[in-house]
Amino acid sequence: MPAKKDDPLRKVTLNLYDSDCDEMKAYYGHGWTEHVRTLVHDHIRTATAHHKVRRTLGDLHDEQSS
């Protein structure tokens, strides 16, 4: 799910490689940092999705039987 437009932002200092910044500027042009924000958001959402799966006692029993 994409971030909502009214989600609060936090300004941070992020050290990136010069060559990566140059490539992002060349590829995305003005506003490339918004794409970086979206990449980070999508990565965090994907990486943490397995923690948000609701489980039932039946699921626990099935895992222990395997």
N, C-alpha and C. Protein backbone atom coordinates (compact mmCIF):
# COMPACT_ATOMS: atom_id res chain seq x y z
N MET A 1 0.84 -1.17 0.00
CA MET A 1 0.00 0.00 0.00
C MET A 1 0.89 1.23 0.00
N PRO A 2 0.67 2.16 -0.91
CA PRO A 2 1.51 3.35 -0.96
C PRO A 2 1.24 4.25 0.24
N ALA A 3 2.21 5.07 0.55
CA ALA A 3 2.05 6.03 1.65
C ALA A 3 0.97 7.04 1.26
N LYS A 4 0.22 7.50 2.27
CA LYS A 4 -0.78 8.52 2.03
C LYS A 4 -0.07 9.87 1.89
N LYS A 5 -0.68 10.77 1.15
CA LYS A 5 -0.07 12.08 0.94
C LYS A 5 0.07 12.86 2.24
N ASP A 6 -0.76 12.57 3.22
CA ASP A 6 -0.69 13.32 4.48
C ASP A 6 0.13 12.60 5.55
N ASP A 7 0.80 11.49 5.19
CA ASP A 7 1.68 10.82 6.15
C ASP A 7 2.80 11.78 6.53
N PRO A 8 3.11 11.89 7.82
CA PRO A 8 4.16 12.82 8.23
C PRO A 8 5.53 12.39 7.72
N LEU A 9 6.33 13.36 7.39
CA LEU A 9 7.69 13.12 6.92
C LEU A 9 8.68 13.53 8.01
N ARG A 10 9.85 12.93 7.98
CA ARG A 10 10.94 13.31 8.87
C ARG A 10 12.16 13.55 8.01
N LYS A 11 12.78 14.70 8.21
CA LYS A 11 13.99 15.00 7.46
C LYS A 11 15.16 14.32 8.16
N VAL A 12 15.94 13.56 7.37
CA VAL A 12 17.08 12.83 7.91
C VAL A 12 18.30 13.09 7.02
N THR A 13 19.45 12.88 7.59
CA THR A 13 20.68 12.90 6.81
C THR A 13 20.99 11.47 6.44
N LEU A 14 21.13 11.22 5.16
CA LEU A 14 21.38 9.89 4.66
C LEU A 14 22.60 9.94 3.76
N ASN A 15 23.62 9.20 4.08
CA ASN A 15 24.83 9.17 3.27
C ASN A 15 24.67 8.16 2.14
N LEU A 16 24.68 8.66 0.92
CA LEU A 16 24.56 7.83 -0.27
C LEU A 16 25.82 7.97 -1.10
N TYR A 17 26.09 7.00 -1.91
CA TYR A 17 27.24 7.07 -2.81
C TYR A 17 26.98 8.12 -3.88
N ASP A 18 28.04 8.90 -4.19
CA ASP A 18 27.92 9.95 -5.21
C ASP A 18 27.41 9.39 -6.53
N SER A 19 27.96 8.25 -6.93
CA SER A 19 27.56 7.68 -8.23
C SER A 19 26.09 7.28 -8.23
N ASP A 20 25.58 6.79 -7.09
CA ASP A 20 24.15 6.44 -7.01
C ASP A 20 23.29 7.69 -7.14
N CYS A 21 23.69 8.76 -6.48
CA CYS A 21 22.93 10.01 -6.58
C CYS A 21 22.93 10.53 -8.01
N ASP A 22 24.09 10.47 -8.65
CA ASP A 22 24.18 10.92 -10.04
C ASP A 22 23.26 10.09 -10.94
N GLU A 23 23.24 8.78 -10.73
CA GLU A 23 22.39 7.90 -11.54
C GLU A 23 20.91 8.19 -11.28
N MET A 24 20.55 8.40 -10.03
CA MET A 24 19.15 8.70 -9.70
C MET A 24 18.73 10.03 -10.34
N LYS A 25 19.60 11.02 -10.27
CA LYS A 25 19.29 12.32 -10.90
C LYS A 25 19.13 12.16 -12.40
N ALA A 26 20.01 11.37 -13.01
CA ALA A 26 19.94 11.17 -14.47
C ALA A 26 18.68 10.40 -14.85
N TYR A 27 18.31 9.41 -14.06
CA TYR A 27 17.18 8.55 -14.40
C TYR A 27 15.84 9.23 -14.10
N TYR A 28 15.72 9.81 -12.89
CA TYR A 28 14.43 10.38 -12.47
C TYR A 28 14.34 11.89 -12.67
N GLY A 29 15.48 12.56 -12.76
CA GLY A 29 15.45 14.01 -12.92
C GLY A 29 15.09 14.69 -11.61
N HIS A 30 14.53 15.89 -11.72
CA HIS A 30 14.14 16.67 -10.54
C HIS A 30 13.14 15.86 -9.71
N GLY A 31 13.32 15.84 -8.41
CA GLY A 31 12.43 15.08 -7.55
C GLY A 31 12.87 13.65 -7.32
N TRP A 32 14.11 13.34 -7.63
CA TRP A 32 14.60 11.96 -7.49
C TRP A 32 14.55 11.50 -6.04
N THR A 33 14.63 12.41 -5.08
CA THR A 33 14.61 11.99 -3.68
C THR A 33 13.25 11.42 -3.28
N GLU A 34 12.20 11.85 -3.95
CA GLU A 34 10.88 11.26 -3.69
C GLU A 34 10.87 9.79 -4.08
N HIS A 35 11.58 9.45 -5.13
CA HIS A 35 11.69 8.06 -5.54
C HIS A 35 12.49 7.25 -4.52
N VAL A 36 13.51 7.85 -3.95
CA VAL A 36 14.27 7.17 -2.90
C VAL A 36 13.36 6.90 -1.71
N ARG A 37 12.55 7.89 -1.34
CA ARG A 37 11.60 7.72 -0.23
C ARG A 37 10.63 6.57 -0.53
N THR A 38 10.14 6.49 -1.75
CA THR A 38 9.22 5.43 -2.13
C THR A 38 9.91 4.06 -2.11
N LEU A 39 11.16 4.00 -2.57
CA LEU A 39 11.91 2.74 -2.53
C LEU A 39 12.10 2.25 -1.10
N VAL A 40 12.45 3.16 -0.20
CA VAL A 40 12.63 2.79 1.20
C VAL A 40 11.30 2.34 1.79
N HIS A 41 10.25 3.07 1.53
CA HIS A 41 8.92 2.73 2.06
C HIS A 41 8.48 1.34 1.57
N ASP A 42 8.64 1.08 0.29
CA ASP A 42 8.26 -0.22 -0.27
C ASP A 42 9.11 -1.35 0.32
N HIS A 43 10.39 -1.09 0.51
CA HIS A 43 11.26 -2.11 1.09
C HIS A 43 10.84 -2.45 2.52
N ILE A 44 10.59 -1.44 3.32
CA ILE A 44 10.19 -1.67 4.71
C ILE A 44 8.85 -2.39 4.76
N ARG A 45 7.93 -2.00 3.92
CA ARG A 45 6.61 -2.65 3.90
C ARG A 45 6.74 -4.12 3.53
N THR A 46 7.56 -4.42 2.53
CA THR A 46 7.76 -5.80 2.11
C THR A 46 8.52 -6.61 3.16
N ALA A 47 9.55 -6.01 3.74
CA ALA A 47 10.39 -6.73 4.70
C ALA A 47 9.64 -7.04 5.99
N THR A 48 8.69 -6.21 6.36
CA THR A 48 7.97 -6.42 7.62
C THR A 48 6.61 -7.07 7.43
N ALA A 49 6.22 -7.36 6.21
CA ALA A 49 4.88 -7.89 5.94
C ALA A 49 4.64 -9.22 6.64
N HIS A 50 5.66 -10.07 6.74
CA HIS A 50 5.45 -11.38 7.34
C HIS A 50 5.16 -11.28 8.83
N HIS A 51 5.53 -10.18 9.47
CA HIS A 51 5.24 -10.00 10.90
C HIS A 51 3.79 -9.61 11.13
N LYS A 52 3.13 -9.14 10.09
CA LYS A 52 1.77 -8.65 10.23
C LYS A 52 0.72 -9.68 9.86
N VAL A 53 1.15 -10.90 9.57
CA VAL A 53 0.20 -11.96 9.22
C VAL A 53 -0.50 -12.42 10.48
N ARG A 54 -1.81 -12.39 10.44
CA ARG A 54 -2.56 -12.87 11.60
C ARG A 54 -2.50 -14.38 11.65
N ARG A 55 -2.29 -14.89 12.82
CA ARG A 55 -2.20 -16.33 12.99
C ARG A 55 -3.27 -16.79 13.97
N THR A 56 -3.70 -18.02 13.79
CA THR A 56 -4.66 -18.62 14.69
C THR A 56 -3.98 -19.78 15.41
N LEU A 57 -4.62 -20.31 16.43
CA LEU A 57 -4.07 -21.47 17.12
C LEU A 57 -3.97 -22.65 16.16
N GLY A 58 -4.86 -22.74 15.20
CA GLY A 58 -4.80 -23.80 14.20
C GLY A 58 -3.54 -23.71 13.36
N ASP A 59 -3.13 -22.48 13.02
CA ASP A 59 -1.89 -22.29 12.26
C ASP A 59 -0.70 -22.77 13.07
N LEU A 60 -0.68 -22.49 14.36
CA LEU A 60 0.42 -22.90 15.22
C LEU A 60 0.50 -24.42 15.27
N HIS A 61 -0.64 -25.08 15.39
CA HIS A 61 -0.68 -26.54 15.44
C HIS A 61 -0.14 -27.12 14.13
N ASP A 62 -0.54 -26.51 12.98
CA ASP A 62 -0.08 -26.99 11.67
C ASP A 62 1.44 -26.87 11.54
N GLU A 63 2.03 -25.77 12.05
CA GLU A 63 3.47 -25.57 11.95
C GLU A 63 4.22 -26.58 12.81
N GLN A 64 3.69 -26.90 13.98
CA GLN A 64 4.36 -27.82 14.87
C GLN A 64 4.29 -29.25 14.33
N SER A 65 3.27 -29.56 13.57
CA SER A 65 3.11 -30.90 13.01
C SER A 65 4.04 -31.14 11.84
N SER A 66 4.49 -30.08 11.20
CA SER A 66 5.35 -30.21 10.00
C SER A 66 6.73 -30.66 10.33
